[in-house]
Amino acid sequence: MQDRQKVINLLGLAQRAGKLISGTETILDELKRKRVKAVIMANDIQDNTAEKVNLATKKDNIPLITAFSAAEISHAIGKKRKVLGLTDVGFAKTLIKRVNEGV
């Protein structure tokens, strides 16, 4: 299985485990509450939304992953979404490691 598909499958697993939140406003709120360990943002998202999420993640040094399109993210979790947040450290570390290894 390709590395890219493994990462997408990991997002689906995190969704089923209840360790993934989605939606821009939800993510921004949860970032303020320090509950998000990593953010996955579609690389084809609108510029103003991307800027909001970028600033929020930089503020608290939260990893931001932009390696996937909105279609890939939506397919992974079975909902139309462009921004996801991992709330579990283990899932976040695994996802970041796999993305850094190349997807």
N, C-alpha and C. Protein backbone atom coordinates (compact mmCIF):
# COMPACT_ATOMS: atom_id res chain seq x y z
N MET A 1 0.85 -1.18 0.00
CA MET A 1 0.00 0.00 0.00
C MET A 1 0.89 1.24 0.00
N GLN A 2 0.50 2.24 -0.76
CA GLN A 2 1.28 3.46 -0.83
C GLN A 2 1.29 4.18 0.51
N ASP A 3 2.37 4.93 0.75
CA ASP A 3 2.47 5.71 1.98
C ASP A 3 1.35 6.74 2.08
N ARG A 4 1.00 7.37 0.98
CA ARG A 4 -0.07 8.37 0.96
C ARG A 4 -1.39 7.74 1.41
N GLN A 5 -1.68 6.57 0.90
CA GLN A 5 -2.92 5.89 1.27
C GLN A 5 -2.91 5.47 2.74
N LYS A 6 -1.74 5.11 3.26
CA LYS A 6 -1.63 4.75 4.68
C LYS A 6 -1.98 5.93 5.57
N VAL A 7 -1.53 7.12 5.19
CA VAL A 7 -1.84 8.32 5.97
C VAL A 7 -3.33 8.62 5.90
N ILE A 8 -3.92 8.49 4.73
CA ILE A 8 -5.35 8.72 4.56
C ILE A 8 -6.13 7.72 5.39
N ASN A 9 -5.69 6.47 5.39
CA ASN A 9 -6.35 5.45 6.22
C ASN A 9 -6.23 5.77 7.70
N LEU A 10 -5.09 6.33 8.11
CA LEU A 10 -4.88 6.73 9.50
C LEU A 10 -5.91 7.80 9.91
N LEU A 11 -6.21 8.71 9.01
CA LEU A 11 -7.22 9.74 9.30
C LEU A 11 -8.59 9.10 9.53
N GLY A 12 -8.92 8.12 8.70
CA GLY A 12 -10.18 7.40 8.88
C GLY A 12 -10.23 6.66 10.20
N LEU A 13 -9.12 6.06 10.57
CA LEU A 13 -9.03 5.34 11.85
C LEU A 13 -9.20 6.31 13.03
N ALA A 14 -8.55 7.47 12.94
CA ALA A 14 -8.69 8.48 13.99
C ALA A 14 -10.14 8.96 14.09
N GLN A 15 -10.80 9.10 12.95
CA GLN A 15 -12.21 9.50 12.94
C GLN A 15 -13.06 8.47 13.68
N ARG A 16 -12.86 7.20 13.36
CA ARG A 16 -13.65 6.13 14.00
C ARG A 16 -13.33 6.02 15.49
N ALA A 17 -12.12 6.37 15.89
CA ALA A 17 -11.72 6.29 17.30
C ALA A 17 -12.19 7.52 18.09
N GLY A 18 -12.75 8.50 17.40
CA GLY A 18 -13.22 9.70 18.08
C GLY A 18 -12.09 10.65 18.44
N LYS A 19 -10.98 10.56 17.75
CA LYS A 19 -9.81 11.39 18.04
C LYS A 19 -9.59 12.47 16.98
N LEU A 20 -10.61 12.73 16.19
CA LEU A 20 -10.50 13.69 15.09
C LEU A 20 -11.69 14.63 15.14
N ILE A 21 -11.41 15.92 15.02
CA ILE A 21 -12.48 16.90 14.92
C ILE A 21 -12.35 17.56 13.55
N SER A 22 -13.46 18.12 13.07
CA SER A 22 -13.42 18.68 11.73
C SER A 22 -14.23 19.96 11.65
N GLY A 23 -13.90 20.75 10.65
CA GLY A 23 -14.57 22.02 10.43
C GLY A 23 -13.70 23.17 10.92
N THR A 24 -13.61 24.20 10.12
CA THR A 24 -12.71 25.31 10.42
C THR A 24 -12.99 25.97 11.76
N GLU A 25 -14.24 26.35 12.00
CA GLU A 25 -14.57 27.05 13.24
C GLU A 25 -14.34 26.16 14.46
N THR A 26 -14.69 24.90 14.35
CA THR A 26 -14.46 23.96 15.45
C THR A 26 -12.97 23.85 15.75
N ILE A 27 -12.17 23.75 14.71
CA ILE A 27 -10.72 23.63 14.88
C ILE A 27 -10.17 24.88 15.56
N LEU A 28 -10.59 26.05 15.09
CA LEU A 28 -10.09 27.30 15.67
C LEU A 28 -10.47 27.40 17.15
N ASP A 29 -11.69 27.01 17.50
CA ASP A 29 -12.12 27.03 18.90
C ASP A 29 -11.30 26.06 19.75
N GLU A 30 -11.09 24.86 19.23
CA GLU A 30 -10.35 23.84 19.98
C GLU A 30 -8.86 24.18 20.08
N LEU A 31 -8.33 24.90 19.10
CA LEU A 31 -6.94 25.36 19.20
C LEU A 31 -6.79 26.33 20.36
N LYS A 32 -7.77 27.20 20.54
CA LYS A 32 -7.74 28.14 21.66
C LYS A 32 -7.78 27.41 23.00
N ARG A 33 -8.47 26.28 23.03
CA ARG A 33 -8.60 25.49 24.26
C ARG A 33 -7.45 24.52 24.45
N LYS A 34 -6.50 24.54 23.53
CA LYS A 34 -5.29 23.70 23.59
C LYS A 34 -5.60 22.20 23.52
N ARG A 35 -6.64 21.83 22.78
CA ARG A 35 -7.03 20.41 22.66
C ARG A 35 -6.55 19.76 21.38
N VAL A 36 -6.03 20.54 20.45
CA VAL A 36 -5.61 20.01 19.15
C VAL A 36 -4.10 19.79 19.15
N LYS A 37 -3.69 18.60 18.72
CA LYS A 37 -2.26 18.24 18.70
C LYS A 37 -1.63 18.39 17.32
N ALA A 38 -2.46 18.35 16.26
CA ALA A 38 -2.00 18.57 14.89
C ALA A 38 -3.20 18.94 14.03
N VAL A 39 -2.95 19.75 13.01
CA VAL A 39 -4.02 20.18 12.10
C VAL A 39 -3.68 19.72 10.69
N ILE A 40 -4.68 19.18 10.01
CA ILE A 40 -4.55 18.79 8.62
C ILE A 40 -5.45 19.73 7.83
N MET A 41 -4.86 20.49 6.93
CA MET A 41 -5.61 21.47 6.15
C MET A 41 -5.45 21.16 4.67
N ALA A 42 -6.53 21.19 3.93
CA ALA A 42 -6.48 20.94 2.49
C ALA A 42 -5.58 21.97 1.81
N ASN A 43 -4.82 21.51 0.83
CA ASN A 43 -3.92 22.41 0.11
C ASN A 43 -4.66 23.25 -0.93
N ASP A 44 -5.95 23.00 -1.12
CA ASP A 44 -6.75 23.77 -2.07
C ASP A 44 -7.85 24.56 -1.37
N ILE A 45 -7.59 24.96 -0.13
CA ILE A 45 -8.56 25.71 0.67
C ILE A 45 -8.47 27.20 0.30
N GLN A 46 -9.52 27.96 0.61
CA GLN A 46 -9.52 29.39 0.33
C GLN A 46 -8.43 30.09 1.12
N ASP A 47 -7.86 31.13 0.53
CA ASP A 47 -6.74 31.84 1.14
C ASP A 47 -7.06 32.43 2.51
N ASN A 48 -8.23 33.04 2.66
CA ASN A 48 -8.54 33.66 3.95
C ASN A 48 -8.69 32.62 5.06
N THR A 49 -9.27 31.48 4.75
CA THR A 49 -9.39 30.40 5.73
C THR A 49 -8.02 29.84 6.06
N ALA A 50 -7.21 29.65 5.04
CA ALA A 50 -5.85 29.13 5.25
C ALA A 50 -5.06 30.07 6.16
N GLU A 51 -5.22 31.36 5.96
CA GLU A 51 -4.49 32.32 6.78
C GLU A 51 -4.93 32.25 8.25
N LYS A 52 -6.23 32.13 8.49
CA LYS A 52 -6.74 32.02 9.87
C LYS A 52 -6.17 30.79 10.57
N VAL A 53 -6.22 29.66 9.88
CA VAL A 53 -5.73 28.41 10.46
C VAL A 53 -4.22 28.48 10.67
N ASN A 54 -3.52 29.02 9.69
CA ASN A 54 -2.06 29.17 9.78
C ASN A 54 -1.66 29.98 11.01
N LEU A 55 -2.30 31.12 11.20
CA LEU A 55 -1.98 31.97 12.34
C LEU A 55 -2.27 31.27 13.66
N ALA A 56 -3.40 30.57 13.73
CA ALA A 56 -3.79 29.88 14.97
C ALA A 56 -2.81 28.76 15.32
N THR A 57 -2.33 28.03 14.31
CA THR A 57 -1.39 26.94 14.60
C THR A 57 -0.01 27.48 14.96
N LYS A 58 0.41 28.56 14.32
CA LYS A 58 1.72 29.14 14.63
C LYS A 58 1.76 29.71 16.03
N LYS A 59 0.63 30.26 16.47
CA LYS A 59 0.56 30.88 17.79
C LYS A 59 0.98 29.90 18.89
N ASP A 60 0.53 28.66 18.80
CA ASP A 60 0.84 27.65 19.82
C ASP A 60 1.78 26.56 19.32
N ASN A 61 2.42 26.80 18.18
CA ASN A 61 3.39 25.85 17.62
C ASN A 61 2.77 24.46 17.40
N ILE A 62 1.59 24.43 16.81
CA ILE A 62 0.89 23.18 16.49
C ILE A 62 1.27 22.78 15.07
N PRO A 63 1.65 21.52 14.85
CA PRO A 63 2.00 21.09 13.50
C PRO A 63 0.83 21.25 12.53
N LEU A 64 1.13 21.76 11.33
CA LEU A 64 0.14 21.96 10.28
C LEU A 64 0.55 21.17 9.06
N ILE A 65 -0.31 20.29 8.62
CA ILE A 65 -0.03 19.42 7.47
C ILE A 65 -0.92 19.85 6.31
N THR A 66 -0.30 20.15 5.18
CA THR A 66 -1.06 20.59 4.01
C THR A 66 -0.75 19.72 2.79
N ALA A 67 -0.55 18.45 3.01
CA ALA A 67 -0.14 17.54 1.94
C ALA A 67 -1.30 16.96 1.14
N PHE A 68 -2.54 17.24 1.55
CA PHE A 68 -3.68 16.58 0.93
C PHE A 68 -4.70 17.58 0.40
N SER A 69 -5.43 17.16 -0.61
CA SER A 69 -6.49 18.00 -1.17
C SER A 69 -7.77 17.83 -0.34
N ALA A 70 -8.72 18.71 -0.56
CA ALA A 70 -10.00 18.62 0.13
C ALA A 70 -10.70 17.31 -0.21
N ALA A 71 -10.57 16.86 -1.45
CA ALA A 71 -11.20 15.60 -1.86
C ALA A 71 -10.61 14.41 -1.11
N GLU A 72 -9.29 14.41 -0.94
CA GLU A 72 -8.64 13.32 -0.21
C GLU A 72 -9.05 13.32 1.26
N ILE A 73 -9.08 14.49 1.87
CA ILE A 73 -9.48 14.60 3.27
C ILE A 73 -10.92 14.14 3.45
N SER A 74 -11.80 14.63 2.58
CA SER A 74 -13.21 14.27 2.66
C SER A 74 -13.41 12.77 2.48
N HIS A 75 -12.70 12.19 1.54
CA HIS A 75 -12.80 10.75 1.30
C HIS A 75 -12.33 9.96 2.52
N ALA A 76 -11.28 10.44 3.17
CA ALA A 76 -10.71 9.72 4.32
C ALA A 76 -11.68 9.61 5.47
N ILE A 77 -12.47 10.66 5.71
CA ILE A 77 -13.35 10.64 6.88
C ILE A 77 -14.83 10.46 6.53
N GLY A 78 -15.15 10.44 5.25
CA GLY A 78 -16.53 10.21 4.85
C GLY A 78 -17.43 11.42 5.00
N LYS A 79 -16.84 12.60 5.14
CA LYS A 79 -17.59 13.86 5.24
C LYS A 79 -16.86 14.90 4.42
N LYS A 80 -17.60 15.86 3.90
CA LYS A 80 -16.97 16.93 3.13
C LYS A 80 -16.35 17.94 4.09
N ARG A 81 -15.04 17.89 4.23
CA ARG A 81 -14.31 18.77 5.13
C ARG A 81 -13.00 19.20 4.49
N LYS A 82 -12.49 20.35 4.95
CA LYS A 82 -11.22 20.85 4.44
C LYS A 82 -10.19 21.04 5.54
N VAL A 83 -10.64 21.04 6.79
CA VAL A 83 -9.73 21.20 7.92
C VAL A 83 -10.07 20.15 8.98
N LEU A 84 -9.03 19.45 9.44
CA LEU A 84 -9.19 18.42 10.46
C LEU A 84 -8.22 18.71 11.60
N GLY A 85 -8.59 18.28 12.79
CA GLY A 85 -7.71 18.41 13.94
C GLY A 85 -7.61 17.10 14.69
N LEU A 86 -6.41 16.67 14.94
CA LEU A 86 -6.19 15.46 15.74
C LEU A 86 -6.09 15.86 17.21
N THR A 87 -6.85 15.18 18.05
CA THR A 87 -6.85 15.50 19.48
C THR A 87 -6.05 14.51 20.30
N ASP A 88 -5.45 13.54 19.65
CA ASP A 88 -4.68 12.50 20.33
C ASP A 88 -3.21 12.61 19.94
N VAL A 89 -2.34 12.63 20.93
CA VAL A 89 -0.89 12.78 20.69
C VAL A 89 -0.35 11.63 19.86
N GLY A 90 -0.78 10.42 20.14
CA GLY A 90 -0.28 9.25 19.42
C GLY A 90 -0.61 9.30 17.93
N PHE A 91 -1.86 9.60 17.61
CA PHE A 91 -2.25 9.73 16.21
C PHE A 91 -1.48 10.87 15.54
N ALA A 92 -1.33 11.98 16.25
CA ALA A 92 -0.63 13.14 15.70
C ALA A 92 0.82 12.80 15.38
N LYS A 93 1.51 12.17 16.32
CA LYS A 93 2.92 11.81 16.10
C LYS A 93 3.08 10.84 14.93
N THR A 94 2.20 9.85 14.86
CA THR A 94 2.26 8.88 13.77
C THR A 94 2.01 9.54 12.42
N LEU A 95 1.02 10.39 12.37
CA LEU A 95 0.69 11.08 11.12
C LEU A 95 1.84 11.97 10.67
N ILE A 96 2.39 12.74 11.58
CA ILE A 96 3.50 13.64 11.25
C ILE A 96 4.71 12.84 10.78
N LYS A 97 5.00 11.75 11.45
CA LYS A 97 6.13 10.90 11.07
C LYS A 97 5.95 10.37 9.65
N ARG A 98 4.75 9.88 9.34
CA ARG A 98 4.52 9.33 8.00
C ARG A 98 4.55 10.41 6.93
N VAL A 99 4.03 11.59 7.23
CA VAL A 99 4.08 12.69 6.25
C VAL A 99 5.53 13.10 6.02
N ASN A 100 6.33 13.18 7.08
CA ASN A 100 7.74 13.57 6.95
C ASN A 100 8.56 12.53 6.18
N GLU A 101 8.11 11.28 6.24
CA GLU A 101 8.80 10.22 5.49
C GLU A 101 8.49 10.31 4.00
N GLY A 102 7.49 11.09 3.67
CA GLY A 102 7.15 11.29 2.26
C GLY A 102 5.83 10.67 1.87
N VAL A 103 4.93 11.54 1.47
CA VAL A 103 3.62 11.07 0.97
C VAL A 103 3.38 11.66 -0.41
